[in-house]
Amino acid sequence: MSVRVKITKPGIFGAKGEVEVGTELTLKEEPKAWAGRYEVISSAGKDKEAVTGDAGDSKSAADVLAMANDTSVPFMTFKSAATKLLGDKTPASKAEIVAALEDLATQP
């Protein structure tokens, strides 16, 4: 039996580090330990309807800046969202990321 899954939330790590949200993987069995952080696309040759929603939508710089001030948002979730906007040049510290996002938000 094989199952195809799509990563929907950060926090899944492989041999080379964190697996990026949106990555699709084919596995021997459903990864129950990853519950809530993936969706099953197909299982044992039977396709399932893809789940759609706001989880995959890109955020604006203002949206990500709001995450920086929300104490319920973990730093790595904030950093992951910032990296989608800033790319490889994403700074390491929260203060530097906020400054870079503020610059991005003010660009025309």
Protein backbone atom coordinates (compact mmCIF):
# COMPACT_ATOMS: atom_id res chain seq x y z
CA MET A 1 0.00 0.00 0.00
CA SER A 2 1.22 3.48 -0.75
CA VAL A 3 -0.21 6.85 0.13
CA ARG A 4 0.42 10.27 -1.41
CA VAL A 5 0.31 13.19 1.05
CA LYS A 6 0.70 16.95 0.80
CA ILE A 7 2.33 18.86 3.66
CA THR A 8 -0.07 21.61 4.83
CA LYS A 9 1.63 23.00 7.95
CA PRO A 10 5.23 23.54 9.06
CA GLY A 11 6.90 21.26 11.59
CA ILE A 12 7.71 18.16 9.55
CA PHE A 13 11.40 17.36 9.32
CA GLY A 14 13.30 15.02 7.03
CA ALA A 15 16.96 14.07 6.69
CA LYS A 16 17.74 17.42 5.04
CA GLY A 17 15.80 19.66 7.43
CA GLU A 18 12.24 20.97 7.47
CA VAL A 19 9.96 19.83 4.64
CA GLU A 20 8.44 22.86 2.92
CA VAL A 21 4.67 23.37 3.15
CA GLY A 22 3.09 22.32 -0.16
CA THR A 23 5.52 19.45 -0.75
CA GLU A 24 3.89 16.22 -1.98
CA LEU A 25 5.35 12.89 -0.84
CA THR A 26 4.64 9.26 -1.67
CA LEU A 27 4.97 7.08 1.43
CA LYS A 28 4.46 3.40 2.24
CA GLU A 29 1.75 4.23 4.80
CA GLU A 30 -0.10 7.22 6.19
CA PRO A 31 2.12 9.10 8.69
CA LYS A 32 -0.21 9.21 11.72
CA ALA A 33 2.46 11.02 13.81
CA TRP A 34 2.12 14.00 11.46
CA ALA A 35 -1.61 14.34 12.19
CA GLY A 36 -2.98 17.79 11.40
CA ARG A 37 0.05 18.77 9.28
CA TYR A 38 -0.73 16.93 6.04
CA GLU A 39 -3.61 15.91 3.80
CA VAL A 40 -3.98 12.62 1.97
CA ILE A 41 -4.15 13.13 -1.79
CA SER A 42 -4.44 9.46 -2.77
CA SER A 43 -4.27 6.13 -1.01
CA ALA A 44 -3.82 2.63 -2.49
CA GLY A 45 -4.60 3.94 -5.96
CA LYS A 46 -7.83 5.68 -4.96
CA ASP A 47 -7.79 9.45 -5.41
CA LYS A 48 -9.33 11.63 -2.77
CA GLU A 49 -10.75 15.06 -3.34
CA ALA A 50 -8.14 17.71 -2.62
CA VAL A 51 -8.87 19.91 0.36
CA THR A 52 -8.70 23.58 -0.45
CA GLY A 53 -8.80 26.58 1.83
CA ASP A 54 -6.86 29.52 3.18
CA ALA A 55 -3.88 27.43 4.36
CA GLY A 56 -2.13 27.63 0.99
CA ASP A 57 -2.93 31.26 0.23
CA SER A 58 0.01 33.63 0.23
CA LYS A 59 0.01 36.40 2.79
CA SER A 60 0.90 40.05 2.23
CA ALA A 61 3.75 41.73 4.08
CA ALA A 62 1.17 43.42 6.32
CA ASP A 63 -0.41 40.04 7.16
CA VAL A 64 2.97 38.57 8.11
CA LEU A 65 3.85 41.66 10.17
CA ALA A 66 0.62 41.14 12.11
CA MET A 67 1.79 37.58 12.85
CA ALA A 68 4.95 39.04 14.44
CA ASN A 69 2.85 40.79 17.09
CA ASP A 70 0.50 37.85 17.71
CA THR A 71 1.80 35.94 20.75
CA SER A 72 -0.19 32.84 19.73
CA VAL A 73 1.85 32.47 16.50
CA PRO A 74 5.05 30.45 16.95
CA PHE A 75 8.26 32.10 15.67
CA MET A 76 8.91 29.38 13.08
CA THR A 77 5.41 29.82 11.63
CA PHE A 78 6.05 33.57 11.36
CA LYS A 79 9.51 32.97 9.86
CA SER A 80 8.12 30.46 7.33
CA ALA A 81 5.51 32.98 6.15
CA ALA A 82 8.17 35.71 5.98
CA THR A 83 10.50 33.45 3.97
CA LYS A 84 7.77 33.02 1.34
CA LEU A 85 7.90 36.79 0.82
CA LEU A 86 11.59 37.51 1.41
CA GLY A 87 13.12 34.37 -0.09
CA ASP A 88 16.73 33.35 0.52
CA LYS A 89 17.56 36.77 1.97
CA THR A 90 15.37 36.24 5.05
CA PRO A 91 17.28 37.45 8.13
CA ALA A 92 17.73 35.17 11.14
CA SER A 93 16.34 37.32 13.96
CA LYS A 94 12.73 38.38 14.45
CA ALA A 95 13.66 42.08 14.65
CA GLU A 96 15.57 41.92 11.36
CA ILE A 97 12.72 40.02 9.68
CA VAL A 98 10.22 42.65 10.87
CA ALA A 99 12.46 45.44 9.48
CA ALA A 100 12.74 43.66 6.12
CA LEU A 101 8.96 43.12 5.98
CA GLU A 102 8.36 46.79 6.83
CA ASP A 103 10.65 47.77 3.92
CA LEU A 104 8.77 45.36 1.64
CA ALA A 105 5.38 46.70 2.77
CA THR A 106 6.36 50.29 1.94
CA GLN A 107 7.68 49.53 -1.57
CA PRO A 108 5.33 50.61 -4.36
